[in-house]
Amino acid sequence: MPVSRRVGLGALILFIALLVGLPLLARTWP
């Protein structure tokens, strides 16, 4: 697959950040 490890790590970080961060942000911005 034409996907670099750098892109893969970036996607993983964004996936986790949204999964953890969105519930917290939703409390401030409903």
PDB file of all heavy atoms in Angstrom:
ATOM      1  N   MET A   1       0.843  -1.192   0.000  1.00  0.00           N
ATOM      2  CA  MET A   1       0.000   0.000   0.000  1.00  0.00           C
ATOM      3  C   MET A   1       0.878   1.242   0.000  1.00  0.00           C
ATOM      4  O   MET A   1       1.886   1.286   0.715  1.00  0.00           O
ATOM      5  CB  MET A   1      -0.898   0.032   1.237  1.00  0.00           C
ATOM      6  CG  MET A   1      -2.165  -0.775   1.102  1.00  0.00           C
ATOM      7  SD  MET A   1      -3.320  -0.005  -0.046  1.00  0.00           S
ATOM      8  CE  MET A   1      -4.578  -1.263  -0.113  1.00  0.00           C
ATOM      9  N   PRO A   2       0.537   2.254  -0.792  1.00  0.00           N
ATOM     10  CA  PRO A   2       1.368   3.463  -0.877  1.00  0.00           C
ATOM     11  C   PRO A   2       1.128   4.430   0.274  1.00  0.00           C
ATOM     12  O   PRO A   2       0.721   5.566   0.077  1.00  0.00           O
ATOM     13  CB  PRO A   2       0.940   4.069  -2.220  1.00  0.00           C
ATOM     14  CG  PRO A   2      -0.485   3.678  -2.347  1.00  0.00           C
ATOM     15  CD  PRO A   2      -0.587   2.310  -1.742  1.00  0.00           C
ATOM     16  N   VAL A   3       1.370   3.965   1.508  1.00  0.00           N
ATOM     17  CA  VAL A   3       1.199   4.818   2.690  1.00  0.00           C
ATOM     18  C   VAL A   3       2.478   4.750   3.505  1.00  0.00           C
ATOM     19  O   VAL A   3       2.932   3.655   3.861  1.00  0.00           O
ATOM     20  CB  VAL A   3      -0.007   4.369   3.543  1.00  0.00           C
ATOM     21  CG1 VAL A   3      -0.152   5.270   4.765  1.00  0.00           C
ATOM     22  CG2 VAL A   3      -1.281   4.381   2.729  1.00  0.00           C
ATOM     23  N   SER A   4       3.046   5.894   3.825  1.00  0.00           N
ATOM     24  CA  SER A   4       4.292   5.916   4.578  1.00  0.00           C
ATOM     25  C   SER A   4       4.031   5.700   6.062  1.00  0.00           C
ATOM     26  O   SER A   4       2.919   5.886   6.565  1.00  0.00           O
ATOM     27  CB  SER A   4       4.997   7.264   4.387  1.00  0.00           C
ATOM     28  OG  SER A   4       4.282   8.296   5.051  1.00  0.00           O
ATOM     29  N   ARG A   5       5.077   5.301   6.776  1.00  0.00           N
ATOM     30  CA  ARG A   5       4.968   5.125   8.224  1.00  0.00           C
ATOM     31  C   ARG A   5       4.669   6.460   8.909  1.00  0.00           C
ATOM     32  O   ARG A   5       3.962   6.494   9.926  1.00  0.00           O
ATOM     33  CB  ARG A   5       6.261   4.524   8.772  1.00  0.00           C
ATOM     34  CG  ARG A   5       6.487   3.084   8.343  1.00  0.00           C
ATOM     35  CD  ARG A   5       7.814   2.548   8.840  1.00  0.00           C
ATOM     36  NE  ARG A   5       7.990   1.150   8.457  1.00  0.00           N
ATOM     37  CZ  ARG A   5       7.664   0.118   9.220  1.00  0.00           C
ATOM     38  NH1 ARG A   5       7.172   0.338  10.425  1.00  0.00           N
ATOM     39  NH2 ARG A   5       7.847  -1.124   8.807  1.00  0.00           N
ATOM     40  N   ARG A   6       5.187   7.553   8.363  1.00  0.00           N
ATOM     41  CA  ARG A   6       4.920   8.864   8.943  1.00  0.00           C
ATOM     42  C   ARG A   6       3.436   9.200   8.871  1.00  0.00           C
ATOM     43  O   ARG A   6       2.840   9.675   9.840  1.00  0.00           O
ATOM     44  CB  ARG A   6       5.745   9.934   8.218  1.00  0.00           C
ATOM     45  CG  ARG A   6       5.598  11.338   8.785  1.00  0.00           C
ATOM     46  CD  ARG A   6       6.490  12.309   8.029  1.00  0.00           C
ATOM     47  NE  ARG A   6       7.887  11.895   8.080  1.00  0.00           N
ATOM     48  CZ  ARG A   6       8.855  12.474   7.391  1.00  0.00           C
ATOM     49  NH1 ARG A   6       8.582  13.474   6.568  1.00  0.00           N
ATOM     50  NH2 ARG A   6      10.091  12.056   7.506  1.00  0.00           N
ATOM     51  N   VAL A   7       2.822   8.936   7.721  1.00  0.00           N
ATOM     52  CA  VAL A   7       1.383   9.165   7.576  1.00  0.00           C
ATOM     53  C   VAL A   7       0.608   8.242   8.506  1.00  0.00           C
ATOM     54  O   VAL A   7      -0.374   8.649   9.145  1.00  0.00           O
ATOM     55  CB  VAL A   7       0.953   8.953   6.109  1.00  0.00           C
ATOM     56  CG1 VAL A   7      -0.570   8.940   5.986  1.00  0.00           C
ATOM     57  CG2 VAL A   7       1.534  10.037   5.220  1.00  0.00           C
ATOM     58  N   GLY A   8       1.044   7.001   8.595  1.00  0.00           N
ATOM     59  CA  GLY A   8       0.363   6.053   9.464  1.00  0.00           C
ATOM     60  C   GLY A   8       0.384   6.486  10.918  1.00  0.00           C
ATOM     61  O   GLY A   8      -0.641   6.434  11.610  1.00  0.00           O
ATOM     62  N   LEU A   9       1.532   6.918  11.404  1.00  0.00           N
ATOM     63  CA  LEU A   9       1.628   7.375  12.785  1.00  0.00           C
ATOM     64  C   LEU A   9       0.797   8.638  13.021  1.00  0.00           C
ATOM     65  O   LEU A   9       0.143   8.783  14.051  1.00  0.00           O
ATOM     66  CB  LEU A   9       3.095   7.634  13.150  1.00  0.00           C
ATOM     67  CG  LEU A   9       3.968   6.392  13.328  1.00  0.00           C
ATOM     68  CD1 LEU A   9       5.432   6.796  13.510  1.00  0.00           C
ATOM     69  CD2 LEU A   9       3.492   5.575  14.529  1.00  0.00           C
ATOM     70  N   GLY A  10       0.813   9.540  12.040  1.00  0.00           N
ATOM     71  CA  GLY A  10       0.004  10.746  12.158  1.00  0.00           C
ATOM     72  C   GLY A  10      -1.479  10.435  12.236  1.00  0.00           C
ATOM     73  O   GLY A  10      -2.219  11.024  13.036  1.00  0.00           O
ATOM     74  N   ALA A  11      -1.933   9.482  11.410  1.00  0.00           N
ATOM     75  CA  ALA A  11      -3.347   9.089  11.427  1.00  0.00           C
ATOM     76  C   ALA A  11      -3.712   8.446  12.760  1.00  0.00           C
ATOM     77  O   ALA A  11      -4.802   8.683  13.307  1.00  0.00           O
ATOM     78  CB  ALA A  11      -3.642   8.133  10.274  1.00  0.00           C
ATOM     79  N   LEU A  12      -2.812   7.628  13.311  1.00  0.00           N
ATOM     80  CA  LEU A  12      -3.076   6.986  14.591  1.00  0.00           C
ATOM     81  C   LEU A  12      -3.178   8.013  15.711  1.00  0.00           C
ATOM     82  O   LEU A  12      -4.079   7.939  16.561  1.00  0.00           O
ATOM     83  CB  LEU A  12      -1.972   5.975  14.903  1.00  0.00           C
ATOM     84  CG  LEU A  12      -2.094   5.242  16.240  1.00  0.00           C
ATOM     85  CD1 LEU A  12      -3.379   4.427  16.286  1.00  0.00           C
ATOM     86  CD2 LEU A  12      -0.871   4.349  16.472  1.00  0.00           C
ATOM     87  N   ILE A  13      -2.268   8.981  15.715  1.00  0.00           N
ATOM     88  CA  ILE A  13      -2.300  10.026  16.742  1.00  0.00           C
ATOM     89  C   ILE A  13      -3.597  10.823  16.642  1.00  0.00           C
ATOM     90  O   ILE A  13      -4.248  11.115  17.658  1.00  0.00           O
ATOM     91  CB  ILE A  13      -1.068  10.945  16.604  1.00  0.00           C
ATOM     92  CG1 ILE A  13       0.208  10.175  16.967  1.00  0.00           C
ATOM     93  CG2 ILE A  13      -1.218  12.187  17.479  1.00  0.00           C
ATOM     94  CD1 ILE A  13       1.488  10.915  16.645  1.00  0.00           C
ATOM     95  N   LEU A  14      -3.999  11.169  15.423  1.00  0.00           N
ATOM     96  CA  LEU A  14      -5.236  11.932  15.245  1.00  0.00           C
ATOM     97  C   LEU A  14      -6.449  11.109  15.668  1.00  0.00           C
ATOM     98  O   LEU A  14      -7.370  11.636  16.312  1.00  0.00           O
ATOM     99  CB  LEU A  14      -5.370  12.358  13.782  1.00  0.00           C
ATOM    100  CG  LEU A  14      -6.587  13.219  13.427  1.00  0.00           C
ATOM    101  CD1 LEU A  14      -6.621  14.491  14.264  1.00  0.00           C
ATOM    102  CD2 LEU A  14      -6.589  13.551  11.937  1.00  0.00           C
ATOM    103  N   PHE A  15      -6.460   9.822  15.332  1.00  0.00           N
ATOM    104  CA  PHE A  15      -7.565   8.940  15.727  1.00  0.00           C
ATOM    105  C   PHE A  15      -7.725   8.921  17.244  1.00  0.00           C
ATOM    106  O   PHE A  15      -8.833   9.078  17.774  1.00  0.00           O
ATOM    107  CB  PHE A  15      -7.298   7.528  15.203  1.00  0.00           C
ATOM    108  CG  PHE A  15      -8.230   6.475  15.743  1.00  0.00           C
ATOM    109  CD1 PHE A  15      -9.502   6.323  15.216  1.00  0.00           C
ATOM    110  CD2 PHE A  15      -7.831   5.639  16.783  1.00  0.00           C
ATOM    111  CE1 PHE A  15     -10.369   5.352  15.713  1.00  0.00           C
ATOM    112  CE2 PHE A  15      -8.684   4.672  17.287  1.00  0.00           C
ATOM    113  CZ  PHE A  15      -9.955   4.528  16.746  1.00  0.00           C
ATOM    114  N   ILE A  16      -6.628   8.724  17.963  1.00  0.00           N
ATOM    115  CA  ILE A  16      -6.685   8.658  19.427  1.00  0.00           C
ATOM    116  C   ILE A  16      -7.033  10.019  20.018  1.00  0.00           C
ATOM    117  O   ILE A  16      -7.828  10.117  20.965  1.00  0.00           O
ATOM    118  CB  ILE A  16      -5.348   8.140  19.982  1.00  0.00           C
ATOM    119  CG1 ILE A  16      -5.104   6.694  19.513  1.00  0.00           C
ATOM    120  CG2 ILE A  16      -5.325   8.212  21.504  1.00  0.00           C
ATOM    121  CD1 ILE A  16      -3.738   6.152  19.879  1.00  0.00           C
ATOM    122  N   ALA A  17      -6.442  11.086  19.464  1.00  0.00           N
ATOM    123  CA  ALA A  17      -6.708  12.428  19.983  1.00  0.00           C
ATOM    124  C   ALA A  17      -8.190  12.786  19.878  1.00  0.00           C
ATOM    125  O   ALA A  17      -8.778  13.351  20.812  1.00  0.00           O
ATOM    126  CB  ALA A  17      -5.856  13.456  19.235  1.00  0.00           C
ATOM    127  N   LEU A  18      -8.805  12.443  18.749  1.00  0.00           N
ATOM    128  CA  LEU A  18     -10.230  12.727  18.587  1.00  0.00           C
ATOM    129  C   LEU A  18     -11.079  11.847  19.495  1.00  0.00           C
ATOM    130  O   LEU A  18     -12.067  12.312  20.079  1.00  0.00           O
ATOM    131  CB  LEU A  18     -10.637  12.523  17.126  1.00  0.00           C
ATOM    132  CG  LEU A  18     -10.103  13.560  16.130  1.00  0.00           C
ATOM    133  CD1 LEU A  18     -10.436  13.151  14.700  1.00  0.00           C
ATOM    134  CD2 LEU A  18     -10.681  14.946  16.436  1.00  0.00           C
ATOM    135  N   LEU A  19     -10.711  10.594  19.631  1.00  0.00           N
ATOM    136  CA  LEU A  19     -11.485   9.683  20.469  1.00  0.00           C
ATOM    137  C   LEU A  19     -11.460  10.117  21.931  1.00  0.00           C
ATOM    138  O   LEU A  19     -12.478  10.043  22.632  1.00  0.00           O
ATOM    139  CB  LEU A  19     -10.933   8.258  20.333  1.00  0.00           C
ATOM    140  CG  LEU A  19     -11.702   7.150  21.052  1.00  0.00           C
ATOM    141  CD1 LEU A  19     -13.119   7.036  20.525  1.00  0.00           C
ATOM    142  CD2 LEU A  19     -10.964   5.820  20.918  1.00  0.00           C
ATOM    143  N   VAL A  20     -10.312  10.594  22.387  1.00  0.00           N
ATOM    144  CA  VAL A  20     -10.175  11.021  23.780  1.00  0.00           C
ATOM    145  C   VAL A  20     -10.614  12.472  23.963  1.00  0.00           C
ATOM    146  O   VAL A  20     -11.267  12.827  24.959  1.00  0.00           O
ATOM    147  CB  VAL A  20      -8.712  10.844  24.256  1.00  0.00           C
ATOM    148  CG1 VAL A  20      -8.526  11.409  25.660  1.00  0.00           C
ATOM    149  CG2 VAL A  20      -8.325   9.369  24.209  1.00  0.00           C
ATOM    150  N   GLY A  21     -10.279  13.318  22.991  1.00  0.00           N
ATOM    151  CA  GLY A  21     -10.503  14.749  23.170  1.00  0.00           C
ATOM    152  C   GLY A  21     -11.912  15.228  22.878  1.00  0.00           C
ATOM    153  O   GLY A  21     -12.391  16.179  23.513  1.00  0.00           O
ATOM    154  N   LEU A  22     -12.601  14.599  21.931  1.00  0.00           N
ATOM    155  CA  LEU A  22     -13.939  15.074  21.577  1.00  0.00           C
ATOM    156  C   LEU A  22     -14.919  15.051  22.744  1.00  0.00           C
ATOM    157  O   LEU A  22     -15.682  16.012  22.930  1.00  0.00           O
ATOM    158  CB  LEU A  22     -14.488  14.262  20.398  1.00  0.00           C
ATOM    159  CG  LEU A  22     -13.965  14.657  19.011  1.00  0.00           C
ATOM    160  CD1 LEU A  22     -14.463  13.684  17.956  1.00  0.00           C
ATOM    161  CD2 LEU A  22     -14.397  16.080  18.659  1.00  0.00           C
ATOM    162  N   PRO A  23     -14.955  13.982  23.574  1.00  0.00           N
ATOM    163  CA  PRO A  23     -15.876  14.025  24.719  1.00  0.00           C
ATOM    164  C   PRO A  23     -15.584  15.178  25.672  1.00  0.00           C
ATOM    165  O   PRO A  23     -16.507  15.775  26.246  1.00  0.00           O
ATOM    166  CB  PRO A  23     -15.650  12.669  25.398  1.00  0.00           C
ATOM    167  CG  PRO A  23     -15.124  11.782  24.325  1.00  0.00           C
ATOM    168  CD  PRO A  23     -14.298  12.675  23.455  1.00  0.00           C
ATOM    169  N   LEU A  24     -14.302  15.502  25.841  1.00  0.00           N
ATOM    170  CA  LEU A  24     -13.947  16.616  26.719  1.00  0.00           C
ATOM    171  C   LEU A  24     -14.349  17.953  26.101  1.00  0.00           C
ATOM    172  O   LEU A  24     -14.893  18.829  26.781  1.00  0.00           O
ATOM    173  CB  LEU A  24     -12.439  16.590  26.999  1.00  0.00           C
ATOM    174  CG  LEU A  24     -11.901  15.306  27.655  1.00  0.00           C
ATOM    175  CD1 LEU A  24     -10.383  15.370  27.783  1.00  0.00           C
ATOM    176  CD2 LEU A  24     -12.542  15.100  29.019  1.00  0.00           C
ATOM    177  N   LEU A  25     -14.086  18.111  24.799  1.00  0.00           N
ATOM    178  CA  LEU A  25     -14.449  19.356  24.130  1.00  0.00           C
ATOM    179  C   LEU A  25     -15.961  19.533  24.052  1.00  0.00           C
ATOM    180  O   LEU A  25     -16.467  20.664  24.108  1.00  0.00           O
ATOM    181  CB  LEU A  25     -13.850  19.378  22.721  1.00  0.00           C
ATOM    182  CG  LEU A  25     -12.324  19.474  22.633  1.00  0.00           C
ATOM    183  CD1 LEU A  25     -11.864  19.339  21.192  1.00  0.00           C
ATOM    184  CD2 LEU A  25     -11.843  20.804  23.214  1.00  0.00           C
ATOM    185  N   ALA A  26     -16.698  18.422  23.927  1.00  0.00           N
ATOM    186  CA  ALA A  26     -18.153  18.509  23.829  1.00  0.00           C
ATOM    187  C   ALA A  26     -18.783  19.060  25.104  1.00  0.00           C
ATOM    188  O   ALA A  26     -19.881  19.617  25.069  1.00  0.00           O
ATOM    189  CB  ALA A  26     -18.737  17.134  23.498  1.00  0.00           C
ATOM    190  N   ARG A  27     -18.099  18.911  26.229  1.00  0.00           N
ATOM    191  CA  ARG A  27     -18.619  19.480  27.477  1.00  0.00           C
ATOM    192  C   ARG A  27     -18.552  20.999  27.460  1.00  0.00           C
ATOM    193  O   ARG A  27     -19.398  21.679  28.043  1.00  0.00           O
ATOM    194  CB  ARG A  27     -17.821  18.942  28.664  1.00  0.00           C
ATOM    195  CG  ARG A  27     -17.937  17.433  28.858  1.00  0.00           C
ATOM    196  CD  ARG A  27     -17.083  16.972  30.022  1.00  0.00           C
ATOM    197  NE  ARG A  27     -17.128  15.513  30.169  1.00  0.00           N
ATOM    198  CZ  ARG A  27     -16.435  14.830  31.081  1.00  0.00           C
ATOM    199  NH1 ARG A  27     -15.638  15.491  31.931  1.00  0.00           N
ATOM    200  NH2 ARG A  27     -16.524  13.519  31.150  1.00  0.00           N
ATOM    201  N   THR A  28     -17.533  21.524  26.781  1.00  0.00           N
ATOM    202  CA  THR A  28     -17.385  22.983  26.686  1.00  0.00           C
ATOM    203  C   THR A  28     -18.182  23.541  25.530  1.00  0.00           C
ATOM    204  O   THR A  28     -18.808  24.596  25.641  1.00  0.00           O
ATOM    205  CB  THR A  28     -15.894  23.338  26.517  1.00  0.00           C
ATOM    206  OG1 THR A  28     -15.138  22.754  27.595  1.00  0.00           O
ATOM    207  CG2 THR A  28     -15.706  24.849  26.520  1.00  0.00           C
ATOM    208  N   TRP A  29     -18.154  22.841  24.397  1.00  0.00           N
ATOM    209  CA  TRP A  29     -18.911  23.263  23.206  1.00  0.00           C
ATOM    210  C   TRP A  29     -19.928  22.175  22.867  1.00  0.00           C
ATOM    211  O   TRP A  29     -19.609  21.219  22.133  1.00  0.00           O
ATOM    212  CB  TRP A  29     -17.963  23.492  22.027  1.00  0.00           C
ATOM    213  CG  TRP A  29     -17.024  24.640  22.233  1.00  0.00           C
ATOM    214  CD1 TRP A  29     -17.330  25.962  22.199  1.00  0.00           C
ATOM    215  CD2 TRP A  29     -15.615  24.563  22.498  1.00  0.00           C
ATOM    216  NE1 TRP A  29     -16.213  26.728  22.427  1.00  0.00           N
ATOM    217  CE2 TRP A  29     -15.142  25.889  22.616  1.00  0.00           C
ATOM    218  CE3 TRP A  29     -14.715  23.504  22.640  1.00  0.00           C
ATOM    219  CZ2 TRP A  29     -13.810  26.179  22.879  1.00  0.00           C
ATOM    220  CZ3 TRP A  29     -13.390  23.793  22.904  1.00  0.00           C
ATOM    221  CH2 TRP A  29     -12.952  25.112  23.021  1.00  0.00           C
ATOM    222  N   PRO A  30     -21.149  22.301  23.394  1.00  0.00           N
ATOM    223  CA  PRO A  30     -22.168  21.257  23.164  1.00  0.00           C
ATOM    224  C   PRO A  30     -22.442  20.989  21.691  1.00  0.00           C
ATOM    225  O   PRO A  30     -22.917  19.908  21.336  1.00  0.00           O
ATOM    226  CB  PRO A  30     -23.406  21.833  23.864  1.00  0.00           C
ATOM    227  CG  PRO A  30     -22.861  22.784  24.889  1.00  0.00           C
ATOM    228  CD  PRO A  30     -21.631  23.372  24.274  1.00  0.00           C
TER     229      PRO A  30
END
